[in-house]
Amino acid sequence: MDLNRRTYRREPAPDRNADLRIRLKELAEERRRFGSPRLLTLLRREGWVVNHKRVERVYRQEGLSLRQRRRRKRPSHLRHVRPGPTGANQHWAMDFVSDSLADGQRMRVLTVVDLWDRRSPCLETDRSITGERVARRRYALRLQGQCPQVIRVDNGPEFTSKAVDRWAHEHGVRLEFIHPGKPTDNSSQVSTGDFGTMFTNLSEAKKVIEEWRQDYNTLRPHDSLGGMSPDEYRRASTGVNLNPESELKCGIPGGVRSLHRHKLV
C-alpha cells in the first residue's frame, strides 16, 4: 500500500476537549433551549477558559444544535418601531400560556415581564383565571412598589375586562393593546413562558414554576443584556440589590400556547 511505517504505527493523540465535551453535554441536558452562545456564558461563569470557536466546534460535533424553524418570506413593508423603556417599571408585558397536568386537567400561567431588563416580577399558576384575579394580583404587586407606567397585553377577555380597566384607570397605568391577530407584537412573553416539564399536580406546578422564575431572574443569561441575567443587569444599571425572598411569590393561570415539554430551560 506504500504506507509509511511511522504513519501506520502512530497512535492518535488524546482528546484535549474530553472534559469540555462532558460538561457541555451536561449543561445542554439541563438547559435544552440554550444554544452555543448561552452555554459558553455558563461555562465562563464556572471558570472555563475557552473561546467561542472551540465551544461551537465541540457543540456541533456532539450534535447539540437546536432545530431551527424555516422562516417564511414575507413582503417587505414599513415597520413601526415602538419606543423602548429607559428604566425599570416603565413598560411591562403580560400574556397567558397553557398546558395540561398529568391527569389531563388544564393549567394556565399568567406571565409578566419588565421589557427594560427582561425581569419577571411574577408568575401566577392556576386552573383558571378571570379579569378580577388579574386586577387583584396587579394591586398586590403595586403594594410592593412594583407598578409600571404601561402594560402591553393582547385582546383576550381577561385583559379587556372592566376589572382590569378600572384598576389601570385608578392607578394611572396605560394599557397598550396589540393589533388583533398579531401575537408577535407581544413576542417578549414567549421565552418567559418556556417552563418545559410535565406537572403531576397543581401544587408541583406552582413550586417548579416559581423556582424557574427565580432561576430566570438571577442566573439565565440574556443576549440583549450583554450575557447578564435580569438581576445582574439591574444591579449594574441602578445599583439596586434585589432580594428574591422579598418578592411576591405567586401562581396564576394563563393560556394560549402550550409549554415545551423538556427539563427546566
Protein backbone atom coordinates (compact mmCIF):
# COMPACT_ATOMS: atom_id res chain seq x y z
CA MET A 1 0.00 0.00 0.00
CA ASP A 2 3.10 2.29 0.14
CA LEU A 3 2.01 3.37 3.61
CA ASN A 4 4.75 4.81 5.78
CA ARG A 5 5.55 2.59 8.78
CA ARG A 6 5.56 5.59 11.17
CA THR A 7 2.11 6.63 9.97
CA TYR A 8 0.76 3.13 10.38
CA ARG A 9 2.03 2.77 13.97
CA ARG A 10 1.19 6.31 15.15
CA GLU A 11 -1.40 6.37 17.94
CA PRO A 12 -4.00 9.14 17.99
CA ALA A 13 -3.38 11.97 20.44
CA PRO A 14 -5.68 12.17 23.48
CA ASP A 15 -8.73 14.36 23.08
CA ARG A 16 -7.91 17.67 24.79
CA ASN A 17 -11.61 18.56 24.71
CA ALA A 18 -12.76 15.50 26.65
CA ASP A 19 -13.63 17.37 29.85
CA LEU A 20 -15.23 20.17 27.85
CA ARG A 21 -17.39 17.69 25.94
CA ILE A 22 -18.66 16.13 29.16
CA ARG A 23 -19.50 19.45 30.81
CA LEU A 24 -21.04 20.90 27.64
CA LYS A 25 -23.32 17.88 27.28
CA GLU A 26 -24.34 18.17 30.94
CA LEU A 27 -25.23 21.85 30.55
CA ALA A 28 -27.08 21.18 27.29
CA GLU A 29 -29.10 18.48 29.05
CA GLU A 30 -30.01 20.87 31.88
CA ARG A 31 -30.76 23.81 29.55
CA ARG A 32 -32.22 22.24 26.45
CA ARG A 33 -33.32 25.54 24.93
CA PHE A 34 -29.88 27.14 25.25
CA GLY A 35 -27.69 27.43 22.18
CA SER A 36 -23.91 27.57 21.96
CA PRO A 37 -23.52 31.30 22.94
CA ARG A 38 -25.51 30.92 26.15
CA LEU A 39 -23.76 27.68 27.07
CA LEU A 40 -20.44 29.49 26.54
CA THR A 41 -21.58 32.14 29.04
CA LEU A 42 -22.40 29.45 31.61
CA LEU A 43 -19.02 27.76 31.05
CA ARG A 44 -17.15 31.01 31.58
CA ARG A 45 -19.11 31.62 34.78
CA GLU A 46 -17.76 28.30 36.03
CA GLY A 47 -14.19 29.36 35.26
CA TRP A 48 -13.60 27.65 31.90
CA VAL A 49 -11.04 29.49 29.73
CA VAL A 50 -12.36 28.72 26.23
CA ASN A 51 -13.20 30.83 23.21
CA HIS A 52 -16.43 30.71 21.25
CA LYS A 53 -14.89 28.86 18.27
CA ARG A 54 -13.79 25.91 20.38
CA VAL A 55 -17.17 25.65 22.13
CA GLU A 56 -19.03 25.96 18.83
CA ARG A 57 -16.89 23.20 17.27
CA VAL A 58 -17.47 20.77 20.15
CA TYR A 59 -21.15 21.80 20.26
CA ARG A 60 -21.59 20.78 16.61
CA GLN A 61 -19.52 17.59 16.91
CA GLU A 62 -21.74 16.38 19.75
CA GLY A 63 -24.91 17.07 17.76
CA LEU A 64 -26.29 19.53 20.29
CA SER A 65 -27.53 22.08 17.76
CA LEU A 66 -31.13 23.19 18.15
CA ARG A 67 -33.58 22.55 15.34
CA GLN A 68 -34.28 25.81 13.53
CA ARG A 69 -37.64 26.59 12.02
CA ARG A 70 -37.62 27.75 8.44
CA ARG A 71 -38.78 31.34 8.24
CA ARG A 72 -41.43 32.34 5.76
CA LYS A 73 -40.61 35.02 3.26
CA ARG A 74 -42.93 37.97 3.69
CA PRO A 75 -43.32 41.04 1.52
CA SER A 76 -41.29 43.96 2.81
CA HIS A 77 -43.22 46.81 4.37
CA LEU A 78 -42.58 49.76 6.60
CA ARG A 79 -42.42 48.71 10.25
CA HIS A 80 -43.43 50.96 13.08
CA VAL A 81 -40.77 50.75 15.81
CA ARG A 82 -42.18 51.35 19.27
CA PRO A 83 -40.01 53.40 21.62
CA GLY A 84 -38.41 51.18 24.23
CA PRO A 85 -38.27 51.73 28.01
CA THR A 86 -35.30 53.52 29.54
CA GLY A 87 -35.70 52.26 33.10
CA ALA A 88 -37.30 49.69 35.37
CA ASN A 89 -41.09 49.54 35.89
CA GLN A 90 -41.81 51.71 32.86
CA HIS A 91 -43.12 49.18 30.36
CA TRP A 92 -44.35 45.68 31.22
CA ALA A 93 -45.91 42.95 29.10
CA MET A 94 -48.46 40.34 30.19
CA ASP A 95 -49.71 37.23 28.46
CA PHE A 96 -51.02 33.73 29.13
CA VAL A 97 -49.58 30.30 28.42
CA SER A 98 -51.35 26.99 28.97
CA ASP A 99 -50.63 23.31 29.47
CA SER A 100 -52.24 20.13 30.80
CA LEU A 101 -51.44 18.37 34.06
CA ALA A 102 -50.72 14.66 34.15
CA ASP A 103 -54.40 13.97 34.93
CA GLY A 104 -55.50 15.87 31.80
CA GLN A 105 -56.80 18.98 33.58
CA ARG A 106 -55.92 22.32 32.05
CA MET A 107 -53.48 24.70 33.69
CA ARG A 108 -52.87 28.36 32.89
CA VAL A 109 -49.97 30.66 33.76
CA LEU A 110 -50.05 34.44 33.70
CA THR A 111 -46.60 35.67 32.66
CA VAL A 112 -45.38 39.17 33.47
CA VAL A 113 -42.08 40.66 32.25
CA ASP A 114 -40.40 44.06 32.50
CA LEU A 115 -39.38 44.98 28.94
CA TRP A 116 -36.39 47.03 30.15
CA ASP A 117 -34.37 44.25 31.79
CA ARG A 118 -36.50 41.15 30.92
CA ARG A 119 -37.14 40.56 34.64
CA SER A 120 -40.26 38.63 35.64
CA PRO A 121 -41.94 40.25 38.68
CA CYS A 122 -44.50 37.48 39.00
CA LEU A 123 -45.81 34.23 37.50
CA GLU A 124 -49.22 33.01 38.61
CA THR A 125 -50.44 29.47 38.12
CA ASP A 126 -53.93 28.02 38.43
CA ARG A 127 -56.57 26.09 36.51
CA SER A 128 -58.48 29.23 35.51
CA ILE A 129 -58.26 32.99 35.86
CA THR A 130 -60.54 35.97 35.41
CA GLY A 131 -60.04 39.68 34.90
CA GLU A 132 -60.80 40.28 38.59
CA ARG A 133 -57.98 37.90 39.54
CA VAL A 134 -55.55 39.73 37.26
CA ALA A 135 -56.53 43.08 38.80
CA ARG A 136 -56.11 41.76 42.36
CA ARG A 137 -52.63 40.45 41.62
CA ARG A 138 -51.55 43.72 39.99
CA TYR A 139 -52.80 45.56 43.09
CA ALA A 140 -50.69 43.25 45.31
CA LEU A 141 -47.61 43.98 43.20
CA ARG A 142 -48.26 47.70 43.48
CA LEU A 143 -48.29 47.43 47.29
CA GLN A 144 -44.74 46.06 46.98
CA GLY A 145 -43.65 49.04 44.90
CA GLN A 146 -43.88 47.27 41.54
CA CYS A 147 -46.18 49.13 39.17
CA PRO A 148 -45.43 50.07 35.55
CA GLN A 149 -46.47 53.08 33.53
CA VAL A 150 -47.55 50.97 30.52
CA ILE A 151 -48.60 47.31 30.23
CA ARG A 152 -48.67 45.65 26.80
CA VAL A 153 -51.40 42.99 26.53
CA ASP A 154 -53.39 41.16 23.88
CA ASN A 155 -57.12 41.46 23.28
CA GLY A 156 -58.14 38.50 25.44
CA PRO A 157 -61.25 38.76 27.67
CA GLU A 158 -59.14 38.80 30.86
CA PHE A 159 -57.28 41.96 29.79
CA THR A 160 -60.25 43.75 28.24
CA SER A 161 -62.42 43.17 31.31
CA LYS A 162 -63.92 46.02 33.33
CA ALA A 163 -61.94 44.98 36.42
CA VAL A 164 -58.55 45.40 34.71
CA ASP A 165 -59.65 48.61 33.01
CA ARG A 166 -60.83 50.04 36.36
CA TRP A 167 -57.58 49.07 38.09
CA ALA A 168 -55.49 50.67 35.32
CA HIS A 169 -57.52 53.89 35.49
CA GLU A 170 -57.30 54.14 39.30
CA HIS A 171 -53.52 53.65 39.31
CA GLY A 172 -52.64 55.71 36.24
CA VAL A 173 -51.45 52.73 34.17
CA ARG A 174 -51.95 52.78 30.39
CA LEU A 175 -52.97 49.50 28.75
CA GLU A 176 -51.31 49.07 25.35
CA PHE A 177 -53.26 46.54 23.27
CA ILE A 178 -51.51 44.76 20.42
CA HIS A 179 -53.04 44.56 16.95
CA PRO A 180 -55.73 41.84 16.73
CA GLY A 181 -54.34 38.65 15.24
CA LYS A 182 -50.71 39.79 15.72
CA PRO A 183 -49.32 37.79 18.68
CA THR A 184 -45.77 38.63 17.59
CA ASP A 185 -46.41 42.19 18.80
CA ASN A 186 -46.11 40.72 22.29
CA SER A 187 -43.37 38.22 21.44
CA SER A 188 -41.29 39.06 24.52
CA GLN A 189 -43.55 36.74 26.53
CA VAL A 190 -42.65 33.60 24.59
CA SER A 191 -39.33 32.92 26.32
CA THR A 192 -40.78 33.86 29.69
CA GLY A 193 -43.29 31.02 29.44
CA ASP A 194 -40.95 28.21 28.40
CA PHE A 195 -41.04 26.19 31.66
CA GLY A 196 -40.74 22.86 29.91
CA THR A 197 -41.72 19.94 32.16
CA MET A 198 -44.68 17.62 32.86
CA PHE A 199 -46.53 18.51 36.07
CA THR A 200 -48.31 15.81 38.06
CA ASN A 201 -50.48 18.24 40.05
CA LEU A 202 -51.12 21.93 40.55
CA SER A 203 -49.04 22.23 43.74
CA GLU A 204 -45.98 20.82 41.99
CA ALA A 205 -46.57 23.17 39.05
CA LYS A 206 -46.64 26.24 41.31
CA LYS A 207 -43.43 25.18 43.07
CA VAL A 208 -41.49 24.34 39.89
CA ILE A 209 -42.65 27.46 38.03
CA GLU A 210 -41.64 29.70 40.95
CA GLU A 211 -38.20 28.04 41.01
CA TRP A 212 -37.99 28.62 37.25
CA ARG A 213 -38.81 32.33 37.76
CA GLN A 214 -36.06 32.70 40.37
CA ASP A 215 -33.59 30.99 38.01
CA TYR A 216 -34.78 33.15 35.10
CA ASN A 217 -34.26 36.37 37.08
CA THR A 218 -30.96 35.53 38.78
CA LEU A 219 -28.99 33.11 36.56
CA ARG A 220 -30.28 32.91 33.00
CA PRO A 221 -28.09 34.99 30.63
CA HIS A 222 -29.76 37.18 28.00
CA ASP A 223 -28.08 38.23 24.76
CA SER A 224 -29.98 41.53 24.81
CA LEU A 225 -28.48 42.27 28.25
CA GLY A 226 -24.88 41.54 27.26
CA GLY A 227 -24.92 38.00 28.63
CA MET A 228 -26.14 39.10 32.07
CA SER A 229 -29.20 37.90 33.95
CA PRO A 230 -32.02 40.42 34.61
CA ASP A 231 -30.95 40.89 38.24
CA GLU A 232 -27.29 41.35 37.26
CA TYR A 233 -28.27 43.91 34.64
CA ARG A 234 -30.46 45.84 37.08
CA ARG A 235 -27.73 45.88 39.72
CA ALA A 236 -25.17 47.06 37.17
CA SER A 237 -27.52 49.78 35.86
CA THR A 238 -29.10 51.05 39.08
CA GLY A 239 -27.03 49.62 41.92
CA VAL A 240 -30.18 48.13 43.49
CA ASN A 241 -29.56 44.78 45.21
CA LEU A 242 -32.61 42.61 44.61
CA ASN A 243 -33.58 40.10 47.28
CA PRO A 244 -35.59 37.19 45.81
CA GLU A 245 -37.02 36.35 49.24
CA SER A 246 -38.77 39.72 49.40
CA GLU A 247 -40.55 39.21 46.09
CA LEU A 248 -44.16 38.23 45.83
CA LYS A 249 -44.46 34.52 45.15
CA CYS A 250 -47.46 33.86 43.01
CA GLY A 251 -49.08 31.32 40.79
CA ILE A 252 -51.84 32.06 38.26
CA PRO A 253 -53.36 30.82 35.06
CA GLY A 254 -52.65 31.65 31.58
CA GLY A 255 -53.23 30.24 28.27
CA VAL A 256 -52.96 30.34 24.56
CA ARG A 257 -49.73 28.48 23.74
CA SER A 258 -48.53 25.10 25.01
CA LEU A 259 -45.40 24.69 27.14
CA HIS A 260 -42.37 22.86 25.73
CA ARG A 261 -42.03 19.51 27.44
CA HIS A 262 -38.35 19.33 28.35
CA LYS A 263 -36.43 19.75 31.55
CA LEU A 264 -36.08 23.21 33.06
CA VAL A 265 -34.63 25.55 30.46
